[in-house]
C-alpha atoms as a PDB file:
ATOM      1  CA  UNK A   1      13.422  11.966   2.242  1.00  0.00           C
ATOM      2  CA  UNK A   2      15.055   8.973  -0.673  1.00  0.00           C
ATOM      3  CA  UNK A   3      13.797   9.012  -4.142  1.00  0.00           C
ATOM      4  CA  UNK A   4      11.327   6.893  -3.432  1.00  0.00           C
ATOM      5  CA  UNK A   5       9.783   9.022  -1.185  1.00  0.00           C
ATOM      6  CA  UNK A   6       7.565  12.374  -2.151  1.00  0.00           C
ATOM      7  CA  UNK A   7       4.394  14.114  -1.184  1.00  0.00           C
ATOM      8  CA  UNK A   8       1.362  14.740  -2.162  1.00  0.00           C
ATOM      9  CA  UNK A   9      -0.631  18.240  -2.696  1.00  0.00           C
ATOM     10  CA  UNK A  10      -2.261  17.225   0.801  1.00  0.00           C
ATOM     11  CA  UNK A  11       1.508  17.435   2.355  1.00  0.00           C
ATOM     12  CA  UNK A  12       0.936  13.910   3.444  1.00  0.00           C
ATOM     13  CA  UNK A  13       4.100  11.884   3.395  1.00  0.00           C
ATOM     14  CA  UNK A  14       4.191   9.239   0.509  1.00  0.00           C
ATOM     15  CA  UNK A  15       6.211   5.795   0.161  1.00  0.00           C
ATOM     16  CA  UNK A  16       6.305   5.261  -3.582  1.00  0.00           C
ATOM     17  CA  UNK A  17       7.828   2.399  -5.968  1.00  0.00           C
ATOM     18  CA  UNK A  18       8.725   1.876  -9.330  1.00  0.00           C
ATOM     19  CA  UNK A  19       7.170  -1.738 -10.636  1.00  0.00           C
ATOM     20  CA  UNK A  20       7.722  -2.940 -13.667  1.00  0.00           C
ATOM     21  CA  UNK A  21       4.587  -4.215 -15.443  1.00  0.00           C
ATOM     22  CA  UNK A  22       4.762  -7.395 -17.066  1.00  0.00           C
ATOM     23  CA  UNK A  23       3.204 -10.286 -19.257  1.00  0.00           C
ATOM     24  CA  UNK A  24       1.755 -11.827 -15.554  1.00  0.00           C
ATOM     25  CA  UNK A  25       0.128  -9.084 -14.791  1.00  0.00           C
ATOM     26  CA  UNK A  26      -1.911  -8.048 -18.059  1.00  0.00           C
ATOM     27  CA  UNK A  27      -5.059  -9.842 -20.191  1.00  0.00           C
ATOM     28  CA  UNK A  28      -4.640 -11.057 -23.756  1.00  0.00           C
ATOM     29  CA  UNK A  29      -4.545  -7.639 -24.938  1.00  0.00           C
ATOM     30  CA  UNK A  30      -1.519  -6.880 -23.304  1.00  0.00           C
ATOM     31  CA  UNK A  31      -3.069  -4.529 -20.503  1.00  0.00           C
ATOM     32  CA  UNK A  32      -2.957  -5.168 -16.732  1.00  0.00           C
ATOM     33  CA  UNK A  33      -5.545  -7.064 -15.600  1.00  0.00           C
ATOM     34  CA  UNK A  34      -7.226  -4.902 -12.667  1.00  0.00           C
ATOM     35  CA  UNK A  35      -7.209  -7.480 -10.071  1.00  0.00           C
ATOM     36  CA  UNK A  36      -3.604  -7.480 -10.562  1.00  0.00           C
ATOM     37  CA  UNK A  37      -3.875  -3.872  -9.004  1.00  0.00           C
ATOM     38  CA  UNK A  38      -4.987  -5.488  -5.979  1.00  0.00           C
ATOM     39  CA  UNK A  39      -1.973  -7.590  -5.446  1.00  0.00           C
ATOM     40  CA  UNK A  40       0.216  -5.194  -6.549  1.00  0.00           C
ATOM     41  CA  UNK A  41      -1.040  -2.687  -4.386  1.00  0.00           C
ATOM     42  CA  UNK A  42      -0.038  -4.859  -1.324  1.00  0.00           C
ATOM     43  CA  UNK A  43       2.859  -5.744  -2.741  1.00  0.00           C
ATOM     44  CA  UNK A  44       3.055  -2.021  -1.780  1.00  0.00           C
ATOM     45  CA  UNK A  45       1.762  -2.135   1.839  1.00  0.00           C
ATOM     46  CA  UNK A  46       4.340  -5.231   2.168  1.00  0.00           C
ATOM     47  CA  UNK A  47       7.349  -3.303   1.776  1.00  0.00           C
ATOM     48  CA  UNK A  48       6.396  -0.128   3.294  1.00  0.00           C
ATOM     49  CA  UNK A  49       6.260  -1.986   6.559  1.00  0.00           C
ATOM     50  CA  UNK A  50       9.848  -3.782   5.004  1.00  0.00           C
ATOM     51  CA  UNK A  51      11.437  -0.606   4.340  1.00  0.00           C
ATOM     52  CA  UNK A  52       9.491   2.306   5.222  1.00  0.00           C
ATOM     53  CA  UNK A  53       8.275   1.148   8.737  1.00  0.00           C
ATOM     54  CA  UNK A  54      11.331  -1.275   9.551  1.00  0.00           C
ATOM     55  CA  UNK A  55       9.083  -4.096  10.617  1.00  0.00           C
ATOM     56  CA  UNK A  56       8.877  -6.896   9.367  1.00  0.00           C
ATOM     57  CA  UNK A  57       6.223  -7.804   7.996  1.00  0.00           C
ATOM     58  CA  UNK A  58       6.730 -11.564   7.735  1.00  0.00           C
ATOM     59  CA  UNK A  59       7.168 -11.714  11.551  1.00  0.00           C
ATOM     60  CA  UNK A  60       4.523  -9.474  11.895  1.00  0.00           C
ATOM     61  CA  UNK A  61       1.825 -12.287  10.238  1.00  0.00           C
ATOM     62  CA  UNK A  62       3.361 -15.630  10.908  1.00  0.00           C
ATOM     63  CA  UNK A  63       5.837 -15.039  14.193  1.00  0.00           C
ATOM     64  CA  UNK A  64       3.421 -12.053  16.304  1.00  0.00           C
ATOM     65  CA  UNK A  65       0.437 -13.728  14.687  1.00  0.00           C
ATOM     66  CA  UNK A  66      -1.120 -10.069  13.759  1.00  0.00           C
ATOM     67  CA  UNK A  67      -3.503 -10.094  10.734  1.00  0.00           C
ATOM     68  CA  UNK A  68      -4.204  -6.795   8.578  1.00  0.00           C
ATOM     69  CA  UNK A  69      -7.376  -7.870   6.138  1.00  0.00           C
ATOM     70  CA  UNK A  70      -8.784  -5.156   4.439  1.00  0.00           C
ATOM     71  CA  UNK A  71     -12.279  -4.745   5.751  1.00  0.00           C
ATOM     72  CA  UNK A  72     -13.009  -1.456   2.935  1.00  0.00           C
ATOM     73  CA  UNK A  73     -12.049  -1.063  -0.624  1.00  0.00           C
ATOM     74  CA  UNK A  74     -12.752   1.324  -2.825  1.00  0.00           C
ATOM     75  CA  UNK A  75     -11.058   1.842  -6.899  1.00  0.00           C
ATOM     76  CA  UNK A  76     -11.656   4.428  -9.531  1.00  0.00           C
ATOM     77  CA  UNK A  77      -9.824   3.624 -13.147  1.00  0.00           C
ATOM     78  CA  UNK A  78      -8.400   6.290 -14.310  1.00  0.00           C
ATOM     79  CA  UNK A  79      -6.434   4.810 -17.558  1.00  0.00           C
ATOM     80  CA  UNK A  80      -5.305   1.444 -18.722  1.00  0.00           C
ATOM     81  CA  UNK A  81      -1.335   0.524 -18.064  1.00  0.00           C
ATOM     82  CA  UNK A  82       0.080  -1.937 -20.844  1.00  0.00           C
ATOM     83  CA  UNK A  83       2.828  -4.269 -20.602  1.00  0.00           C
ATOM     84  CA  UNK A  84       6.463  -3.372 -20.519  1.00  0.00           C
ATOM     85  CA  UNK A  85       5.572   0.531 -19.121  1.00  0.00           C
ATOM     86  CA  UNK A  86       6.918   1.216 -15.163  1.00  0.00           C
ATOM     87  CA  UNK A  87       4.824   2.442 -12.835  1.00  0.00           C
ATOM     88  CA  UNK A  88       4.962   4.492 -10.177  1.00  0.00           C
ATOM     89  CA  UNK A  89       2.721   2.315  -6.795  1.00  0.00           C
ATOM     90  CA  UNK A  90       2.142   4.928  -3.924  1.00  0.00           C
ATOM     91  CA  UNK A  91       0.476   5.254  -0.303  1.00  0.00           C
ATOM     92  CA  UNK A  92       0.026   7.466   2.191  1.00  0.00           C
ATOM     93  CA  UNK A  93      -2.043   7.096   5.572  1.00  0.00           C
ATOM     94  CA  UNK A  94      -5.240   9.003   5.668  1.00  0.00           C
ATOM     95  CA  UNK A  95      -6.468   7.741   8.735  1.00  0.00           C
ATOM     96  CA  UNK A  96      -5.271   6.197  11.955  1.00  0.00           C
ATOM     97  CA  UNK A  97      -7.410   4.934  14.384  1.00  0.00           C
ATOM     98  CA  UNK A  98      -6.959   2.426  17.551  1.00  0.00           C
ATOM     99  CA  UNK A  99      -7.398  -0.628  15.668  1.00  0.00           C
ATOM    100  CA  UNK A 100      -7.472   0.008  11.760  1.00  0.00           C
ATOM    101  CA  UNK A 101      -5.263   2.572   8.820  1.00  0.00           C
ATOM    102  CA  UNK A 102      -6.747   3.494   6.376  1.00  0.00           C
ATOM    103  CA  UNK A 103      -4.304   4.210   2.913  1.00  0.00           C
ATOM    104  CA  UNK A 104      -4.541   5.946   0.224  1.00  0.00           C
ATOM    105  CA  UNK A 105      -2.554   4.160  -2.670  1.00  0.00           C
ATOM    106  CA  UNK A 106      -2.433   5.113  -6.601  1.00  0.00           C
ATOM    107  CA  UNK A 107      -0.332   3.429  -9.489  1.00  0.00           C
ATOM    108  CA  UNK A 108       0.701   7.036 -12.288  1.00  0.00           C
ATOM    109  CA  UNK A 109       2.572   6.001 -15.043  1.00  0.00           C
ATOM    110  CA  UNK A 110       5.625   7.855 -16.085  1.00  0.00           C
ATOM    111  CA  UNK A 111       4.222  10.596 -17.418  1.00  0.00           C
ATOM    112  CA  UNK A 112       2.523  10.902 -14.112  1.00  0.00           C
ATOM    113  CA  UNK A 113      -1.202  10.900 -14.892  1.00  0.00           C
ATOM    114  CA  UNK A 114      -3.187   8.756 -12.452  1.00  0.00           C
ATOM    115  CA  UNK A 115      -4.123   5.793 -13.554  1.00  0.00           C
ATOM    116  CA  UNK A 116      -5.587   4.073 -10.631  1.00  0.00           C
ATOM    117  CA  UNK A 117      -6.267   5.547  -7.049  1.00  0.00           C
ATOM    118  CA  UNK A 118      -7.565   3.218  -4.541  1.00  0.00           C
ATOM    119  CA  UNK A 119      -8.530   3.786  -0.694  1.00  0.00           C
ATOM    120  CA  UNK A 120      -8.690   0.914   2.042  1.00  0.00           C
ATOM    121  CA  UNK A 121      -9.008   0.235   5.310  1.00  0.00           C
ATOM    122  CA  UNK A 122      -7.196  -2.442   6.532  1.00  0.00           C
ATOM    123  CA  UNK A 123      -7.446  -4.224  10.466  1.00  0.00           C
ATOM    124  CA  UNK A 124      -5.382  -5.259  12.381  1.00  0.00           C
ATOM    125  CA  UNK A 125      -6.612  -8.575  13.968  1.00  0.00           C
ATOM    126  CA  UNK A 126      -5.465 -11.581  16.099  1.00  0.00           C
ATOM    127  CA  UNK A 127      -4.257 -14.315  13.458  1.00  0.00           C
ATOM    128  CA  UNK A 128      -5.793 -17.018  16.314  1.00  0.00           C
ATOM    129  CA  UNK A 129      -8.984 -15.747  16.579  1.00  0.00           C
ATOM    130  CA  UNK A 130      -9.489 -13.005  13.924  1.00  0.00           C
ATOM    131  CA  UNK A 131     -10.745 -11.030  15.975  1.00  0.00           C
ATOM    132  CA  UNK A 132     -10.332  -6.973  15.422  1.00  0.00           C
ATOM    133  CA  UNK A 133      -6.992  -6.317  18.570  1.00  0.00           C
ATOM    134  CA  UNK A 134      -5.614  -2.894  18.842  1.00  0.00           C
ATOM    135  CA  UNK A 135      -2.421  -1.764  16.978  1.00  0.00           C
ATOM    136  CA  UNK A 136       0.985  -3.060  17.727  1.00  0.00           C
ATOM    137  CA  UNK A 137       2.074  -0.739  19.847  1.00  0.00           C
ATOM    138  CA  UNK A 138       5.648  -0.700  18.162  1.00  0.00           C
ATOM    139  CA  UNK A 139       3.467  -0.846  14.975  1.00  0.00           C
ATOM    140  CA  UNK A 140       1.731   2.352  16.157  1.00  0.00           C
ATOM    141  CA  UNK A 141       4.786   4.543  17.003  1.00  0.00           C
ATOM    142  CA  UNK A 142       6.476   2.971  13.604  1.00  0.00           C
ATOM    143  CA  UNK A 143       3.747   4.761  11.844  1.00  0.00           C
ATOM    144  CA  UNK A 144       3.602   7.875  13.526  1.00  0.00           C
ATOM    145  CA  UNK A 145       7.862   8.164  13.168  1.00  0.00           C
ATOM    146  CA  UNK A 146       7.382   7.679   9.713  1.00  0.00           C
ATOM    147  CA  UNK A 147       4.379   9.994   8.973  1.00  0.00           C
ATOM    148  CA  UNK A 148       5.771  13.159  11.017  1.00  0.00           C
ATOM    149  CA  UNK A 149       9.622  12.407   9.517  1.00  0.00           C
ATOM    150  CA  UNK A 150      10.368  15.113   6.860  1.00  0.00           C
END
């Protein structure tokens, strides 16, 4: 396990990355503008695919024409995050279905304090028909391998 990977209290494997909060993330008060969390969480999913699963996110979308849109999202905003801070964004797999995956995501300050928690359900879709499809076998296998590594 690398320094960017930790386990959660539920003992689920966690993928995490430090993220510097920049001017572009913030409102005029210097506090992260809440929709930016969703942009940063999406970037974390891309990093997880590319680095954690060793599955090219770009190839999944552009080459294989497989999408992964959010169909359900819950967020709790607990504490503010300011420009200039470096926070940790993390994700763990809460559930894998035949065509969907539920991710638990969070943002924590350097002090470990929870800033934001989110749960999102993503569904594999054909980018040609925009219909739900079964998770591609190579992606499902990569996710299962990743979840079972210690």
